[in-house]
Amino acid sequence: MHIEFLVEEESMEKALQNLIPKIVGEEVSFITHVFQGKTDLKNKLPTRLRAYSHYIKSDWRIVVLLDKDDEDCVTLKTELDKIANDAGLIIRFKEQNSSAKSYSH
């Protein structure tokens, strides 16, 4: 398996480089792509995901990590799901528990 992480800042990349090998082991490869903040990632995401849809392999996963900031998490997730769907990608995780819609800070 291979995982592509799309993150909004370098600090998340550094955290993932330390955490991911401990979580998934060495048999899973991964790479992080750092953007210049949340706005940059969200603006470039449609093009990036359309590109992935042309060559992604069945054992690949794409993970988009964004800070919630002041946005409603359900609205943000819906926006990201739409971008992925419009790009022709399959969303593997769907929220099953409607009570998980709010997060505490």
N, C-alpha and C. Protein backbone atom coordinates (compact mmCIF):
# COMPACT_ATOMS: atom_id res chain seq x y z
N MET A 1 0.84 -1.17 0.00
CA MET A 1 0.00 0.00 0.00
C MET A 1 0.89 1.24 0.00
N HIS A 2 0.35 2.30 -0.59
CA HIS A 2 1.03 3.59 -0.63
C HIS A 2 0.02 4.66 -0.24
N ILE A 3 0.45 5.63 0.56
CA ILE A 3 -0.42 6.72 0.99
C ILE A 3 0.20 8.05 0.58
N GLU A 4 -0.60 8.89 -0.04
CA GLU A 4 -0.20 10.26 -0.38
C GLU A 4 -0.94 11.18 0.59
N PHE A 5 -0.20 11.95 1.36
CA PHE A 5 -0.77 12.92 2.28
C PHE A 5 -0.66 14.30 1.67
N LEU A 6 -1.76 15.02 1.63
CA LEU A 6 -1.77 16.41 1.18
C LEU A 6 -2.03 17.25 2.42
N VAL A 7 -1.05 18.06 2.78
CA VAL A 7 -1.12 18.81 4.04
C VAL A 7 -0.92 20.29 3.79
N GLU A 8 -1.42 21.10 4.71
CA GLU A 8 -1.38 22.54 4.51
C GLU A 8 -0.13 23.22 5.04
N GLU A 9 0.69 22.50 5.82
CA GLU A 9 1.86 23.16 6.41
C GLU A 9 2.96 22.16 6.72
N GLU A 10 4.18 22.68 6.82
CA GLU A 10 5.36 21.84 7.06
C GLU A 10 5.32 21.12 8.41
N SER A 11 4.71 21.75 9.41
CA SER A 11 4.69 21.10 10.73
C SER A 11 3.92 19.78 10.68
N MET A 12 2.87 19.73 9.86
CA MET A 12 2.12 18.47 9.72
C MET A 12 2.97 17.43 9.00
N GLU A 13 3.74 17.85 8.02
CA GLU A 13 4.63 16.92 7.32
C GLU A 13 5.62 16.30 8.30
N LYS A 14 6.22 17.12 9.15
CA LYS A 14 7.20 16.63 10.12
C LYS A 14 6.55 15.65 11.10
N ALA A 15 5.34 15.96 11.54
CA ALA A 15 4.63 15.06 12.45
C ALA A 15 4.34 13.73 11.76
N LEU A 16 3.89 13.76 10.52
CA LEU A 16 3.58 12.53 9.80
C LEU A 16 4.82 11.68 9.57
N GLN A 17 5.94 12.31 9.29
CA GLN A 17 7.18 11.56 9.07
C GLN A 17 7.56 10.76 10.30
N ASN A 18 7.22 11.26 11.48
CA ASN A 18 7.51 10.54 12.72
C ASN A 18 6.43 9.53 13.07
N LEU A 19 5.17 9.89 12.85
CA LEU A 19 4.06 9.05 13.29
C LEU A 19 3.71 7.89 12.36
N ILE A 20 3.68 8.14 11.08
CA ILE A 20 3.18 7.13 10.14
C ILE A 20 3.96 5.83 10.18
N PRO A 21 5.29 5.83 10.17
CA PRO A 21 6.00 4.55 10.26
C PRO A 21 5.66 3.77 11.53
N LYS A 22 5.40 4.48 12.63
CA LYS A 22 5.04 3.81 13.87
C LYS A 22 3.64 3.22 13.83
N ILE A 23 2.77 3.83 13.05
CA ILE A 23 1.38 3.38 12.97
C ILE A 23 1.20 2.25 11.96
N VAL A 24 1.78 2.40 10.77
CA VAL A 24 1.52 1.44 9.69
C VAL A 24 2.68 0.50 9.42
N GLY A 25 3.81 0.75 10.00
CA GLY A 25 4.96 -0.12 9.77
C GLY A 25 5.71 0.24 8.50
N GLU A 26 6.70 -0.54 8.22
CA GLU A 26 7.57 -0.25 7.08
C GLU A 26 7.05 -0.78 5.75
N GLU A 27 6.04 -1.64 5.78
CA GLU A 27 5.51 -2.21 4.54
C GLU A 27 4.64 -1.23 3.77
N VAL A 28 4.28 -0.11 4.38
CA VAL A 28 3.46 0.90 3.73
C VAL A 28 4.35 2.09 3.38
N SER A 29 4.36 2.45 2.10
CA SER A 29 5.12 3.64 1.70
C SER A 29 4.21 4.86 1.77
N PHE A 30 4.81 6.01 1.96
CA PHE A 30 4.03 7.24 1.98
C PHE A 30 4.88 8.42 1.57
N ILE A 31 4.18 9.46 1.15
CA ILE A 31 4.84 10.72 0.83
C ILE A 31 3.89 11.83 1.24
N THR A 32 4.46 12.95 1.65
CA THR A 32 3.64 14.11 1.98
C THR A 32 3.90 15.21 0.96
N HIS A 33 2.84 15.91 0.62
CA HIS A 33 2.92 17.06 -0.26
C HIS A 33 2.45 18.26 0.55
N VAL A 34 3.34 19.21 0.74
CA VAL A 34 3.06 20.38 1.57
C VAL A 34 2.62 21.54 0.69
N PHE A 35 1.55 22.19 1.11
CA PHE A 35 1.04 23.36 0.41
C PHE A 35 1.33 24.60 1.25
N GLN A 36 1.08 25.74 0.70
CA GLN A 36 1.34 27.01 1.38
C GLN A 36 0.10 27.49 2.12
N GLY A 37 -0.41 26.66 2.99
CA GLY A 37 -1.57 27.00 3.79
C GLY A 37 -2.85 26.35 3.27
N LYS A 38 -3.89 26.52 4.04
CA LYS A 38 -5.19 25.91 3.75
C LYS A 38 -5.78 26.40 2.43
N THR A 39 -5.71 27.71 2.20
CA THR A 39 -6.28 28.27 0.97
C THR A 39 -5.58 27.71 -0.25
N ASP A 40 -4.26 27.64 -0.20
CA ASP A 40 -3.48 27.09 -1.32
C ASP A 40 -3.87 25.63 -1.58
N LEU A 41 -3.95 24.84 -0.53
CA LEU A 41 -4.31 23.43 -0.69
C LEU A 41 -5.70 23.30 -1.29
N LYS A 42 -6.67 24.02 -0.75
CA LYS A 42 -8.04 23.93 -1.25
C LYS A 42 -8.15 24.41 -2.69
N ASN A 43 -7.39 25.43 -3.06
CA ASN A 43 -7.43 25.93 -4.44
C ASN A 43 -6.82 24.95 -5.43
N LYS A 44 -5.77 24.26 -5.02
CA LYS A 44 -5.08 23.33 -5.91
C LYS A 44 -5.64 21.91 -5.86
N LEU A 45 -6.47 21.63 -4.89
CA LEU A 45 -6.97 20.27 -4.69
C LEU A 45 -7.74 19.70 -5.89
N PRO A 46 -8.65 20.45 -6.51
CA PRO A 46 -9.37 19.86 -7.66
C PRO A 46 -8.43 19.39 -8.77
N THR A 47 -7.45 20.20 -9.11
CA THR A 47 -6.50 19.81 -10.17
C THR A 47 -5.67 18.62 -9.74
N ARG A 48 -5.20 18.63 -8.51
CA ARG A 48 -4.38 17.53 -8.00
C ARG A 48 -5.16 16.23 -8.00
N LEU A 49 -6.40 16.25 -7.52
CA LEU A 49 -7.19 15.02 -7.46
C LEU A 49 -7.57 14.52 -8.85
N ARG A 50 -7.84 15.43 -9.80
CA ARG A 50 -8.11 14.99 -11.18
C ARG A 50 -6.88 14.28 -11.75
N ALA A 51 -5.70 14.80 -11.45
CA ALA A 51 -4.47 14.16 -11.93
C ALA A 51 -4.33 12.77 -11.32
N TYR A 52 -4.56 12.66 -10.01
CA TYR A 52 -4.49 11.35 -9.35
C TYR A 52 -5.46 10.37 -10.00
N SER A 53 -6.64 10.82 -10.37
CA SER A 53 -7.66 9.92 -10.89
C SER A 53 -7.22 9.23 -12.18
N HIS A 54 -6.23 9.79 -12.86
CA HIS A 54 -5.75 9.19 -14.11
C HIS A 54 -4.70 8.12 -13.91
N TYR A 55 -4.03 8.11 -12.76
CA TYR A 55 -2.95 7.13 -12.60
C TYR A 55 -2.92 6.43 -11.25
N ILE A 56 -3.84 6.73 -10.37
CA ILE A 56 -3.82 6.13 -9.04
C ILE A 56 -3.97 4.61 -9.14
N LYS A 57 -3.23 3.90 -8.35
CA LYS A 57 -3.29 2.44 -8.32
C LYS A 57 -4.27 2.00 -7.24
N SER A 58 -4.75 0.79 -7.35
CA SER A 58 -5.79 0.31 -6.43
C SER A 58 -5.30 0.22 -4.98
N ASP A 59 -3.99 0.11 -4.78
CA ASP A 59 -3.49 0.02 -3.40
C ASP A 59 -2.98 1.36 -2.87
N TRP A 60 -3.35 2.44 -3.52
CA TRP A 60 -3.00 3.78 -3.07
C TRP A 60 -4.14 4.40 -2.30
N ARG A 61 -3.81 5.27 -1.36
CA ARG A 61 -4.79 6.05 -0.63
C ARG A 61 -4.33 7.50 -0.64
N ILE A 62 -5.27 8.41 -0.72
CA ILE A 62 -4.97 9.84 -0.66
C ILE A 62 -5.64 10.37 0.60
N VAL A 63 -4.85 11.05 1.42
CA VAL A 63 -5.37 11.62 2.66
C VAL A 63 -5.14 13.12 2.62
N VAL A 64 -6.22 13.88 2.77
CA VAL A 64 -6.14 15.34 2.81
C VAL A 64 -6.30 15.76 4.26
N LEU A 65 -5.29 16.45 4.78
CA LEU A 65 -5.32 16.91 6.17
C LEU A 65 -5.39 18.43 6.21
N LEU A 66 -6.49 18.92 6.76
CA LEU A 66 -6.69 20.36 6.91
C LEU A 66 -7.08 20.67 8.34
N ASP A 67 -6.64 21.81 8.82
CA ASP A 67 -7.13 22.30 10.11
C ASP A 67 -8.56 22.77 9.92
N LYS A 68 -9.37 22.51 10.91
CA LYS A 68 -10.76 22.97 10.87
C LYS A 68 -10.83 24.49 10.97
N ASP A 69 -9.94 25.08 11.74
CA ASP A 69 -9.95 26.51 12.02
C ASP A 69 -11.34 26.92 12.48
N ASP A 70 -11.91 27.94 11.86
CA ASP A 70 -13.24 28.40 12.26
C ASP A 70 -14.36 27.81 11.39
N GLU A 71 -14.03 26.90 10.50
CA GLU A 71 -15.03 26.32 9.62
C GLU A 71 -15.83 25.23 10.32
N ASP A 72 -17.05 25.07 9.88
CA ASP A 72 -17.87 23.96 10.35
C ASP A 72 -17.29 22.68 9.73
N CYS A 73 -17.00 21.68 10.56
CA CYS A 73 -16.33 20.48 10.08
C CYS A 73 -17.18 19.71 9.07
N VAL A 74 -18.48 19.70 9.24
CA VAL A 74 -19.36 18.99 8.30
C VAL A 74 -19.35 19.69 6.94
N THR A 75 -19.39 21.01 6.95
CA THR A 75 -19.34 21.77 5.71
C THR A 75 -18.01 21.55 5.00
N LEU A 76 -16.92 21.57 5.75
CA LEU A 76 -15.60 21.34 5.18
C LEU A 76 -15.49 19.94 4.59
N LYS A 77 -15.96 18.94 5.31
CA LYS A 77 -15.93 17.56 4.81
C LYS A 77 -16.77 17.42 3.55
N THR A 78 -17.93 18.05 3.53
CA THR A 78 -18.80 18.01 2.35
C THR A 78 -18.11 18.63 1.15
N GLU A 79 -17.43 19.76 1.37
CA GLU A 79 -16.69 20.43 0.30
C GLU A 79 -15.59 19.52 -0.25
N LEU A 80 -14.83 18.90 0.65
CA LEU A 80 -13.75 18.00 0.21
C LEU A 80 -14.30 16.77 -0.52
N ASP A 81 -15.40 16.21 -0.02
CA ASP A 81 -16.03 15.07 -0.68
C ASP A 81 -16.46 15.43 -2.10
N LYS A 82 -17.03 16.61 -2.28
CA LYS A 82 -17.48 17.04 -3.60
C LYS A 82 -16.30 17.18 -4.55
N ILE A 83 -15.21 17.76 -4.08
CA ILE A 83 -14.02 17.90 -4.92
C ILE A 83 -13.52 16.52 -5.35
N ALA A 84 -13.47 15.57 -4.42
CA ALA A 84 -13.02 14.22 -4.75
C ALA A 84 -13.98 13.54 -5.73
N ASN A 85 -15.28 13.65 -5.49
CA ASN A 85 -16.27 13.06 -6.39
C ASN A 85 -16.17 13.67 -7.78
N ASP A 86 -16.04 14.99 -7.86
CA ASP A 86 -15.93 15.67 -9.16
C ASP A 86 -14.68 15.23 -9.91
N ALA A 87 -13.64 14.85 -9.17
CA ALA A 87 -12.39 14.37 -9.79
C ALA A 87 -12.50 12.92 -10.23
N GLY A 88 -13.58 12.25 -9.84
CA GLY A 88 -13.77 10.85 -10.22
C GLY A 88 -13.17 9.86 -9.25
N LEU A 89 -12.88 10.30 -8.04
CA LEU A 89 -12.30 9.41 -7.04
C LEU A 89 -13.38 8.85 -6.13
N ILE A 90 -13.11 7.70 -5.57
CA ILE A 90 -14.03 7.05 -4.64
C ILE A 90 -13.65 7.46 -3.23
N ILE A 91 -14.62 7.90 -2.47
CA ILE A 91 -14.39 8.26 -1.08
C ILE A 91 -14.63 7.01 -0.25
N ARG A 92 -13.61 6.58 0.46
CA ARG A 92 -13.70 5.34 1.23
C ARG A 92 -14.31 5.52 2.59
N PHE A 93 -14.21 6.72 3.17
CA PHE A 93 -14.72 6.95 4.51
C PHE A 93 -15.93 7.86 4.44
N LYS A 94 -17.04 7.37 4.92
CA LYS A 94 -18.25 8.17 5.06
C LYS A 94 -18.61 8.20 6.53
N GLU A 95 -18.96 9.37 7.03
CA GLU A 95 -19.34 9.50 8.43
C GLU A 95 -20.58 8.68 8.70
N GLN A 96 -20.50 7.78 9.64
CA GLN A 96 -21.61 6.89 9.98
C GLN A 96 -22.40 7.41 11.18
N ASN A 97 -21.73 8.17 12.02
CA ASN A 97 -22.35 8.59 13.27
C ASN A 97 -22.64 10.08 13.21
N SER A 98 -23.91 10.44 13.09
CA SER A 98 -24.26 11.85 12.94
C SER A 98 -23.93 12.66 14.18
N SER A 99 -23.75 12.01 15.33
CA SER A 99 -23.41 12.75 16.54
C SER A 99 -21.96 13.23 16.52
N ALA A 100 -21.17 12.76 15.56
CA ALA A 100 -19.76 13.15 15.47
C ALA A 100 -19.59 14.44 14.67
N LYS A 101 -20.65 15.17 14.44
CA LYS A 101 -20.59 16.37 13.62
C LYS A 101 -19.91 17.55 14.30
N SER A 102 -19.84 17.57 15.60
CA SER A 102 -19.18 18.71 16.23
C SER A 102 -17.95 18.23 17.00
N TYR A 103 -16.97 19.08 16.99
CA TYR A 103 -15.72 18.80 17.68
C TYR A 103 -15.50 19.87 18.72
N SER A 104 -14.86 19.52 19.81
CA SER A 104 -14.52 20.55 20.79
C SER A 104 -13.11 21.04 20.50
N HIS A 105 -12.83 22.25 20.91
CA HIS A 105 -11.51 22.86 20.66
C HIS A 105 -10.58 22.51 21.77
